[in-house]
Amino acid sequence: MIVGSFSIYFHATLSLVGQLLDEVSIIWVVFCGVALWFPRRLYPSLFNGSRKYFKLMMFLITMVSTVLACMKPSLNNFFMMPFIIPCWECWSSK
């Protein structure tokens, strides 16, 4: 609902603030989805299968990407790419 409302705001106003809100909310949704549904078998060995540490790492990456997205909006397109590609590999293997 938040992504939809920010997207409506951005497309209605076409303002830079609206664009940032829209893109940052999408970044948060993608990172939350990865933190919740990323398969444990694909975790880096650093986490030893612990979802708690994986979620903490995802939260930290999300916070850093949010700050960087606000400082340099042109980087927003590249924040989500590294996290979508590994998930796509899992889905396409079925």
PDB file of N, CA and C in Angstrom:
ATOM      1  N   MET A   1       0.822  -1.187   0.000  1.00  0.00           N
ATOM      2  CA  MET A   1       0.000   0.000   0.000  1.00  0.00           C
ATOM      3  C   MET A   1       0.872   1.260   0.000  1.00  0.00           C
ATOM      4  N   ILE A   2       1.982   1.208   0.708  1.00  0.00           N
ATOM      5  CA  ILE A   2       2.853   2.377   0.770  1.00  0.00           C
ATOM      6  C   ILE A   2       3.493   2.628  -0.598  1.00  0.00           C
ATOM      7  N   VAL A   3       3.950   1.567  -1.262  1.00  0.00           N
ATOM      8  CA  VAL A   3       4.546   1.734  -2.582  1.00  0.00           C
ATOM      9  C   VAL A   3       3.522   2.317  -3.548  1.00  0.00           C
ATOM     10  N   GLY A   4       2.313   1.817  -3.483  1.00  0.00           N
ATOM     11  CA  GLY A   4       1.262   2.323  -4.360  1.00  0.00           C
ATOM     12  C   GLY A   4       0.936   3.780  -4.105  1.00  0.00           C
ATOM     13  N   SER A   5       0.852   4.163  -2.840  1.00  0.00           N
ATOM     14  CA  SER A   5       0.525   5.556  -2.530  1.00  0.00           C
ATOM     15  C   SER A   5       1.662   6.500  -2.924  1.00  0.00           C
ATOM     16  N   PHE A   6       2.920   6.075  -2.703  1.00  0.00           N
ATOM     17  CA  PHE A   6       4.041   6.911  -3.126  1.00  0.00           C
ATOM     18  C   PHE A   6       4.134   6.981  -4.648  1.00  0.00           C
ATOM     19  N   SER A   7       3.793   5.893  -5.324  1.00  0.00           N
ATOM     20  CA  SER A   7       3.801   5.896  -6.779  1.00  0.00           C
ATOM     21  C   SER A   7       2.722   6.837  -7.323  1.00  0.00           C
ATOM     22  N   ILE A   8       1.554   6.820  -6.710  1.00  0.00           N
ATOM     23  CA  ILE A   8       0.489   7.744  -7.113  1.00  0.00           C
ATOM     24  C   ILE A   8       0.933   9.185  -6.896  1.00  0.00           C
ATOM     25  N   TYR A   9       1.553   9.449  -5.748  1.00  0.00           N
ATOM     26  CA  TYR A   9       2.032  10.794  -5.455  1.00  0.00           C
ATOM     27  C   TYR A   9       3.067  11.243  -6.484  1.00  0.00           C
ATOM     28  N   PHE A  10       4.008  10.363  -6.803  1.00  0.00           N
ATOM     29  CA  PHE A  10       5.045  10.727  -7.767  1.00  0.00           C
ATOM     30  C   PHE A  10       4.447  11.002  -9.137  1.00  0.00           C
ATOM     31  N   HIS A  11       3.571  10.110  -9.623  1.00  0.00           N
ATOM     32  CA  HIS A  11       3.023  10.280 -10.960  1.00  0.00           C
ATOM     33  C   HIS A  11       2.033  11.436 -11.037  1.00  0.00           C
ATOM     34  N   ALA A  12       1.477  11.813  -9.918  1.00  0.00           N
ATOM     35  CA  ALA A  12       0.563  12.961  -9.923  1.00  0.00           C
ATOM     36  C   ALA A  12       1.324  14.285  -9.910  1.00  0.00           C
ATOM     37  N   THR A  13       2.465  14.318  -9.227  1.00  0.00           N
ATOM     38  CA  THR A  13       3.199  15.584  -9.091  1.00  0.00           C
ATOM     39  C   THR A  13       4.439  15.662  -9.966  1.00  0.00           C
ATOM     40  N   LEU A  14       5.021  14.513 -10.333  1.00  0.00           N
ATOM     41  CA  LEU A  14       6.277  14.444 -11.077  1.00  0.00           C
ATOM     42  C   LEU A  14       7.379  15.274 -10.419  1.00  0.00           C
ATOM     43  N   SER A  15       7.420  15.211  -9.088  1.00  0.00           N
ATOM     44  CA  SER A  15       8.434  15.955  -8.340  1.00  0.00           C
ATOM     45  C   SER A  15       9.589  15.030  -7.962  1.00  0.00           C
ATOM     46  N   LEU A  16      10.731  15.622  -7.649  1.00  0.00           N
ATOM     47  CA  LEU A  16      11.893  14.843  -7.238  1.00  0.00           C
ATOM     48  C   LEU A  16      11.634  14.140  -5.904  1.00  0.00           C
ATOM     49  N   VAL A  17      10.956  14.816  -5.001  1.00  0.00           N
ATOM     50  CA  VAL A  17      10.622  14.191  -3.707  1.00  0.00           C
ATOM     51  C   VAL A  17       9.727  12.980  -3.926  1.00  0.00           C
ATOM     52  N   GLY A  18       8.749  13.104  -4.804  1.00  0.00           N
ATOM     53  CA  GLY A  18       7.878  11.975  -5.110  1.00  0.00           C
ATOM     54  C   GLY A  18       8.632  10.818  -5.724  1.00  0.00           C
ATOM     55  N   GLN A  19       9.584  11.131  -6.608  1.00  0.00           N
ATOM     56  CA  GLN A  19      10.395  10.080  -7.214  1.00  0.00           C
ATOM     57  C   GLN A  19      11.230   9.364  -6.159  1.00  0.00           C
ATOM     58  N   LEU A  20      11.841  10.118  -5.252  1.00  0.00           N
ATOM     59  CA  LEU A  20      12.635   9.501  -4.196  1.00  0.00           C
ATOM     60  C   LEU A  20      11.784   8.624  -3.292  1.00  0.00           C
ATOM     61  N   LEU A  21      10.622   9.117  -2.905  1.00  0.00           N
ATOM     62  CA  LEU A  21       9.731   8.318  -2.059  1.00  0.00           C
ATOM     63  C   LEU A  21       9.314   7.041  -2.766  1.00  0.00           C
ATOM     64  N   ASP A  22       8.990   7.143  -4.041  1.00  0.00           N
ATOM     65  CA  ASP A  22       8.569   5.977  -4.811  1.00  0.00           C
ATOM     66  C   ASP A  22       9.695   4.959  -4.910  1.00  0.00           C
ATOM     67  N   GLU A  23      10.880   5.393  -5.274  1.00  0.00           N
ATOM     68  CA  GLU A  23      11.980   4.454  -5.466  1.00  0.00           C
ATOM     69  C   GLU A  23      12.507   3.888  -4.155  1.00  0.00           C
ATOM     70  N   VAL A  24      12.563   4.684  -3.111  1.00  0.00           N
ATOM     71  CA  VAL A  24      13.032   4.179  -1.814  1.00  0.00           C
ATOM     72  C   VAL A  24      12.037   3.170  -1.243  1.00  0.00           C
ATOM     73  N   SER A  25      10.754   3.410  -1.428  1.00  0.00           N
ATOM     74  CA  SER A  25       9.774   2.432  -0.933  1.00  0.00           C
ATOM     75  C   SER A  25       9.889   1.109  -1.687  1.00  0.00           C
ATOM     76  N   ILE A  26      10.186   1.162  -2.982  1.00  0.00           N
ATOM     77  CA  ILE A  26      10.394  -0.071  -3.737  1.00  0.00           C
ATOM     78  C   ILE A  26      11.648  -0.787  -3.247  1.00  0.00           C
ATOM     79  N   ILE A  27      12.701  -0.040  -2.970  1.00  0.00           N
ATOM     80  CA  ILE A  27      13.929  -0.644  -2.430  1.00  0.00           C
ATOM     81  C   ILE A  27      13.632  -1.357  -1.115  1.00  0.00           C
ATOM     82  N   TRP A  28      12.866  -0.730  -0.236  1.00  0.00           N
ATOM     83  CA  TRP A  28      12.523  -1.344   1.048  1.00  0.00           C
ATOM     84  C   TRP A  28      11.704  -2.617   0.856  1.00  0.00           C
ATOM     85  N   VAL A  29      10.761  -2.608  -0.067  1.00  0.00           N
ATOM     86  CA  VAL A  29       9.938  -3.799  -0.296  1.00  0.00           C
ATOM     87  C   VAL A  29      10.786  -4.946  -0.838  1.00  0.00           C
ATOM     88  N   VAL A  30      11.681  -4.646  -1.768  1.00  0.00           N
ATOM     89  CA  VAL A  30      12.532  -5.695  -2.323  1.00  0.00           C
ATOM     90  C   VAL A  30      13.451  -6.278  -1.253  1.00  0.00           C
ATOM     91  N   PHE A  31      14.079  -5.413  -0.455  1.00  0.00           N
ATOM     92  CA  PHE A  31      14.970  -5.915   0.589  1.00  0.00           C
ATOM     93  C   PHE A  31      14.215  -6.698   1.657  1.00  0.00           C
ATOM     94  N   CYS A  32      13.020  -6.262   2.005  1.00  0.00           N
ATOM     95  CA  CYS A  32      12.213  -7.032   2.972  1.00  0.00           C
ATOM     96  C   CYS A  32      11.844  -8.395   2.404  1.00  0.00           C
ATOM     97  N   GLY A  33      11.477  -8.418   1.131  1.00  0.00           N
ATOM     98  CA  GLY A  33      11.149  -9.695   0.487  1.00  0.00           C
ATOM     99  C   GLY A  33      12.332 -10.637   0.453  1.00  0.00           C
ATOM    100  N   VAL A  34      13.498 -10.117   0.132  1.00  0.00           N
ATOM    101  CA  VAL A  34      14.704 -10.953   0.110  1.00  0.00           C
ATOM    102  C   VAL A  34      15.028 -11.451   1.512  1.00  0.00           C
ATOM    103  N   ALA A  35      14.912 -10.590   2.508  1.00  0.00           N
ATOM    104  CA  ALA A  35      15.214 -10.990   3.888  1.00  0.00           C
ATOM    105  C   ALA A  35      14.254 -12.064   4.383  1.00  0.00           C
ATOM    106  N   LEU A  36      13.016 -12.020   3.943  1.00  0.00           N
ATOM    107  CA  LEU A  36      12.028 -12.989   4.425  1.00  0.00           C
ATOM    108  C   LEU A  36      12.039 -14.300   3.654  1.00  0.00           C
ATOM    109  N   TRP A  37      12.251 -14.254   2.330  1.00  0.00           N
ATOM    110  CA  TRP A  37      12.029 -15.443   1.511  1.00  0.00           C
ATOM    111  C   TRP A  37      13.258 -15.985   0.808  1.00  0.00           C
ATOM    112  N   PHE A  38      14.433 -15.454   1.101  1.00  0.00           N
ATOM    113  CA  PHE A  38      15.642 -15.973   0.474  1.00  0.00           C
ATOM    114  C   PHE A  38      15.927 -17.364   1.043  1.00  0.00           C
ATOM    115  N   PRO A  39      16.156 -18.366   0.199  1.00  0.00           N
ATOM    116  CA  PRO A  39      16.368 -19.736   0.700  1.00  0.00           C
ATOM    117  C   PRO A  39      17.633 -19.852   1.546  1.00  0.00           C
ATOM    118  N   ARG A  40      17.522 -20.570   2.654  1.00  0.00           N
ATOM    119  CA  ARG A  40      18.670 -20.740   3.553  1.00  0.00           C
ATOM    120  C   ARG A  40      19.822 -21.473   2.890  1.00  0.00           C
ATOM    121  N   ARG A  41      19.522 -22.342   1.965  1.00  0.00           N
ATOM    122  CA  ARG A  41      20.590 -23.107   1.315  1.00  0.00           C
ATOM    123  C   ARG A  41      21.500 -22.214   0.477  1.00  0.00           C
ATOM    124  N   LEU A  42      21.056 -21.003   0.157  1.00  0.00           N
ATOM    125  CA  LEU A  42      21.864 -20.076  -0.629  1.00  0.00           C
ATOM    126  C   LEU A  42      22.503 -18.977   0.213  1.00  0.00           C
ATOM    127  N   TYR A  43      22.365 -19.053   1.538  1.00  0.00           N
ATOM    128  CA  TYR A  43      23.017 -18.068   2.406  1.00  0.00           C
ATOM    129  C   TYR A  43      24.528 -18.170   2.261  1.00  0.00           C
ATOM    130  N   PRO A  44      25.220 -17.048   2.364  1.00  0.00           N
ATOM    131  CA  PRO A  44      26.686 -17.122   2.419  1.00  0.00           C
ATOM    132  C   PRO A  44      27.133 -17.886   3.666  1.00  0.00           C
ATOM    133  N   SER A  45      28.287 -18.510   3.608  1.00  0.00           N
ATOM    134  CA  SER A  45      28.760 -19.318   4.743  1.00  0.00           C
ATOM    135  C   SER A  45      28.984 -18.468   5.988  1.00  0.00           C
ATOM    136  N   LEU A  46      29.083 -17.177   5.829  1.00  0.00           N
ATOM    137  CA  LEU A  46      29.272 -16.262   6.946  1.00  0.00           C
ATOM    138  C   LEU A  46      28.135 -16.360   7.969  1.00  0.00           C
ATOM    139  N   PHE A  47      26.924 -16.670   7.522  1.00  0.00           N
ATOM    140  CA  PHE A  47      25.752 -16.664   8.403  1.00  0.00           C
ATOM    141  C   PHE A  47      25.455 -18.017   9.039  1.00  0.00           C
ATOM    142  N   ASN A  48      26.070 -19.089   8.571  1.00  0.00           N
ATOM    143  CA  ASN A  48      25.862 -20.443   9.118  1.00  0.00           C
ATOM    144  C   ASN A  48      24.384 -20.809   9.189  1.00  0.00           C
ATOM    145  N   GLY A  49      23.617 -20.393   8.209  1.00  0.00           N
ATOM    146  CA  GLY A  49      22.193 -20.722   8.165  1.00  0.00           C
ATOM    147  C   GLY A  49      21.331 -19.935   9.132  1.00  0.00           C
ATOM    148  N   SER A  50      21.849 -18.877   9.725  1.00  0.00           N
ATOM    149  CA  SER A  50      21.093 -18.089  10.696  1.00  0.00           C
ATOM    150  C   SER A  50      20.310 -16.984   9.988  1.00  0.00           C
ATOM    151  N   ARG A  51      19.006 -17.085  10.038  1.00  0.00           N
ATOM    152  CA  ARG A  51      18.149 -16.075   9.411  1.00  0.00           C
ATOM    153  C   ARG A  51      18.238 -14.739  10.156  1.00  0.00           C
ATOM    154  N   LYS A  52      18.496 -14.781  11.463  1.00  0.00           N
ATOM    155  CA  LYS A  52      18.583 -13.561  12.258  1.00  0.00           C
ATOM    156  C   LYS A  52      19.701 -12.653  11.751  1.00  0.00           C
ATOM    157  N   TYR A  53      20.891 -13.211  11.528  1.00  0.00           N
ATOM    158  CA  TYR A  53      22.013 -12.413  11.049  1.00  0.00           C
ATOM    159  C   TYR A  53      21.818 -11.978   9.601  1.00  0.00           C
ATOM    160  N   PHE A  54      21.172 -12.830   8.820  1.00  0.00           N
ATOM    161  CA  PHE A  54      20.891 -12.469   7.441  1.00  0.00           C
ATOM    162  C   PHE A  54      19.930 -11.282   7.387  1.00  0.00           C
ATOM    163  N   LYS A  55      18.904 -11.299   8.223  1.00  0.00           N
ATOM    164  CA  LYS A  55      17.964 -10.172   8.270  1.00  0.00           C
ATOM    165  C   LYS A  55      18.651  -8.899   8.756  1.00  0.00           C
ATOM    166  N   LEU A  56      19.552  -9.032   9.714  1.00  0.00           N
ATOM    167  CA  LEU A  56      20.297  -7.870  10.195  1.00  0.00           C
ATOM    168  C   LEU A  56      21.155  -7.282   9.082  1.00  0.00           C
ATOM    169  N   MET A  57      21.826  -8.146   8.322  1.00  0.00           N
ATOM    170  CA  MET A  57      22.623  -7.662   7.210  1.00  0.00           C
ATOM    171  C   MET A  57      21.751  -6.970   6.166  1.00  0.00           C
ATOM    172  N   MET A  58      20.600  -7.544   5.874  1.00  0.00           N
ATOM    173  CA  MET A  58      19.689  -6.940   4.896  1.00  0.00           C
ATOM    174  C   MET A  58      19.190  -5.587   5.389  1.00  0.00           C
ATOM    175  N   PHE A  59      18.921  -5.473   6.688  1.00  0.00           N
ATOM    176  CA  PHE A  59      18.474  -4.188   7.241  1.00  0.00           C
ATOM    177  C   PHE A  59      19.569  -3.132   7.102  1.00  0.00           C
ATOM    178  N   LEU A  60      20.799  -3.515   7.403  1.00  0.00           N
ATOM    179  CA  LEU A  60      21.910  -2.563   7.284  1.00  0.00           C
ATOM    180  C   LEU A  60      22.128  -2.129   5.835  1.00  0.00           C
ATOM    181  N   ILE A  61      22.046  -3.067   4.912  1.00  0.00           N
ATOM    182  CA  ILE A  61      22.181  -2.732   3.496  1.00  0.00           C
ATOM    183  C   ILE A  61      21.042  -1.819   3.057  1.00  0.00           C
ATOM    184  N   THR A  62      19.844  -2.075   3.560  1.00  0.00           N
ATOM    185  CA  THR A  62      18.697  -1.230   3.219  1.00  0.00           C
ATOM    186  C   THR A  62      18.886   0.183   3.730  1.00  0.00           C
ATOM    187  N   MET A  63      19.374   0.323   4.943  1.00  0.00           N
ATOM    188  CA  MET A  63      19.597   1.665   5.493  1.00  0.00           C
ATOM    189  C   MET A  63      20.667   2.407   4.701  1.00  0.00           C
ATOM    190  N   VAL A  64      21.756   1.727   4.369  1.00  0.00           N
ATOM    191  CA  VAL A  64      22.823   2.363   3.599  1.00  0.00           C
ATOM    192  C   VAL A  64      22.319   2.757   2.213  1.00  0.00           C
ATOM    193  N   SER A  65      21.580   1.866   1.574  1.00  0.00           N
ATOM    194  CA  SER A  65      21.068   2.189   0.237  1.00  0.00           C
ATOM    195  C   SER A  65      20.054   3.322   0.282  1.00  0.00           C
ATOM    196  N   THR A  66      19.274   3.424   1.357  1.00  0.00           N
ATOM    197  CA  THR A  66      18.325   4.532   1.486  1.00  0.00           C
ATOM    198  C   THR A  66      19.056   5.859   1.612  1.00  0.00           C
ATOM    199  N   VAL A  67      20.087   5.892   2.430  1.00  0.00           N
ATOM    200  CA  VAL A  67      20.860   7.127   2.596  1.00  0.00           C
ATOM    201  C   VAL A  67      21.543   7.508   1.287  1.00  0.00           C
ATOM    202  N   LEU A  68      22.148   6.525   0.626  1.00  0.00           N
ATOM    203  CA  LEU A  68      22.807   6.811  -0.639  1.00  0.00           C
ATOM    204  C   LEU A  68      21.815   7.232  -1.718  1.00  0.00           C
ATOM    205  N   ALA A  69      20.628   6.644  -1.707  1.00  0.00           N
ATOM    206  CA  ALA A  69      19.608   7.016  -2.700  1.00  0.00           C
ATOM    207  C   ALA A  69      19.153   8.450  -2.510  1.00  0.00           C
ATOM    208  N   CYS A  70      19.107   8.895  -1.277  1.00  0.00           N
ATOM    209  CA  CYS A  70      18.722  10.287  -1.022  1.00  0.00           C
ATOM    210  C   CYS A  70      19.854  11.250  -1.358  1.00  0.00           C
ATOM    211  N   MET A  71      21.089  10.804  -1.190  1.00  0.00           N
ATOM    212  CA  MET A  71      22.232  11.666  -1.499  1.00  0.00           C
ATOM    213  C   MET A  71      22.501  11.734  -3.001  1.00  0.00           C
ATOM    214  N   LYS A  72      22.350  10.613  -3.693  1.00  0.00           N
ATOM    215  CA  LYS A  72      22.617  10.546  -5.134  1.00  0.00           C
ATOM    216  C   LYS A  72      21.490   9.753  -5.798  1.00  0.00           C
ATOM    217  N   PRO A  73      20.392  10.403  -6.181  1.00  0.00           N
ATOM    218  CA  PRO A  73      19.219   9.706  -6.725  1.00  0.00           C
ATOM    219  C   PRO A  73      19.482   8.890  -7.985  1.00  0.00           C
ATOM    220  N   SER A  74      20.511   9.205  -8.739  1.00  0.00           N
ATOM    221  CA  SER A  74      20.768   8.447  -9.965  1.00  0.00           C
ATOM    222  C   SER A  74      21.213   7.008  -9.681  1.00  0.00           C
ATOM    223  N   LEU A  75      21.597   6.704  -8.441  1.00  0.00           N
ATOM    224  CA  LEU A  75      22.018   5.342  -8.080  1.00  0.00           C
ATOM    225  C   LEU A  75      20.850   4.421  -7.745  1.00  0.00           C
ATOM    226  N   ASN A  76      19.646   4.955  -7.646  1.00  0.00           N
ATOM    227  CA  ASN A  76      18.490   4.145  -7.254  1.00  0.00           C
ATOM    228  C   ASN A  76      18.271   2.947  -8.164  1.00  0.00           C
ATOM    229  N   ASN A  77      18.561   3.089  -9.445  1.00  0.00           N
ATOM    230  CA  ASN A  77      18.317   1.994 -10.386  1.00  0.00           C
ATOM    231  C   ASN A  77      19.203   0.783 -10.118  1.00  0.00           C
ATOM    232  N   PHE A  78      20.326   0.991  -9.467  1.00  0.00           N
ATOM    233  CA  PHE A  78      21.308  -0.079  -9.308  1.00  0.00           C
ATOM    234  C   PHE A  78      21.274  -0.759  -7.941  1.00  0.00           C
ATOM    235  N   PHE A  79      20.517  -0.234  -6.979  1.00  0.00           N
ATOM    236  CA  PHE A  79      20.505  -0.809  -5.641  1.00  0.00           C
ATOM    237  C   PHE A  79      19.867  -2.192  -5.595  1.00  0.00           C
ATOM    238  N   MET A  80      18.838  -2.427  -6.374  1.00  0.00           N
ATOM    239  CA  MET A  80      18.081  -3.667  -6.263  1.00  0.00           C
ATOM    240  C   MET A  80      18.633  -4.791  -7.119  1.00  0.00           C
ATOM    241  N   MET A  81      19.392  -4.478  -8.142  1.00  0.00           N
ATOM    242  CA  MET A  81      19.830  -5.499  -9.088  1.00  0.00           C
ATOM    243  C   MET A  81      20.588  -6.668  -8.473  1.00  0.00           C
ATOM    244  N   PRO A  82      21.554  -6.467  -7.585  1.00  0.00           N
ATOM    245  CA  PRO A  82      22.282  -7.625  -7.056  1.00  0.00           C
ATOM    246  C   PRO A  82      21.418  -8.569  -6.231  1.00  0.00           C
ATOM    247  N   PHE A  83      20.276  -8.107  -5.753  1.00  0.00           N
ATOM    248  CA  PHE A  83      19.441  -8.944  -4.900  1.00  0.00           C
ATOM    249  C   PHE A  83      18.313  -9.623  -5.661  1.00  0.00           C
ATOM    250  N   ILE A  84      18.010  -9.163  -6.839  1.00  0.00           N
ATOM    251  CA  ILE A  84      16.971  -9.794  -7.644  1.00  0.00           C
ATOM    252  C   ILE A  84      17.554 -10.953  -8.443  1.00  0.00           C
ATOM    253  N   ILE A  85      18.771 -10.832  -8.910  1.00  0.00           N
ATOM    254  CA  ILE A  85      19.384 -11.854  -9.761  1.00  0.00           C
ATOM    255  C   ILE A  85      19.538 -13.201  -9.044  1.00  0.00           C
ATOM    256  N   PRO A  86      20.048 -13.285  -7.786  1.00  0.00           N
ATOM    257  CA  PRO A  86      20.131 -14.607  -7.133  1.00  0.00           C
ATOM    258  C   PRO A  86      18.761 -15.246  -6.924  1.00  0.00           C
ATOM    259  N   CYS A  87      17.752 -14.460  -6.639  1.00  0.00           N
ATOM    260  CA  CYS A  87      16.415 -15.016  -6.451  1.00  0.00           C
ATOM    261  C   CYS A  87      15.876 -15.551  -7.764  1.00  0.00           C
ATOM    262  N   TRP A  88      16.154 -14.869  -8.853  1.00  0.00           N
ATOM    263  CA  TRP A  88      15.678 -15.326 -10.156  1.00  0.00           C
ATOM    264  C   TRP A  88      16.292 -16.683 -10.490  1.00  0.00           C
ATOM    265  N   GLU A  89      17.550 -16.898 -10.089  1.00  0.00           N
ATOM    266  CA  GLU A  89      18.198 -18.179 -10.333  1.00  0.00           C
ATOM    267  C   GLU A  89      17.474 -19.291  -9.587  1.00  0.00           C
ATOM    268  N   CYS A  90      16.995 -19.027  -8.391  1.00  0.00           N
ATOM    269  CA  CYS A  90      16.271 -20.037  -7.609  1.00  0.00           C
ATOM    270  C   CYS A  90      14.941 -20.378  -8.276  1.00  0.00           C
ATOM    271  N   TRP A  91      14.244 -19.362  -8.756  1.00  0.00           N
ATOM    272  CA  TRP A  91      12.914 -19.604  -9.340  1.00  0.00           C
ATOM    273  C   TRP A  91      13.010 -20.299 -10.675  1.00  0.00           C
ATOM    274  N   SER A  92      14.048 -20.009 -11.435  1.00  0.00           N
ATOM    275  CA  SER A  92      14.141 -20.598 -12.769  1.00  0.00           C
ATOM    276  C   SER A  92      14.620 -22.050 -12.733  1.00  0.00           C
ATOM    277  N   SER A  93      15.137 -22.512 -11.601  1.00  0.00           N
ATOM    278  CA  SER A  93      15.643 -23.885 -11.527  1.00  0.00           C
ATOM    279  C   SER A  93      14.550 -24.912 -11.324  1.00  0.00           C
ATOM    280  N   LYS A  94      13.326 -24.463 -11.055  1.00  0.00           N
ATOM    281  CA  LYS A  94      12.233 -25.424 -10.805  1.00  0.00           C
ATOM    282  C   LYS A  94      11.652 -25.963 -12.069  1.00  0.00           C
TER     283      LYS A  94
END
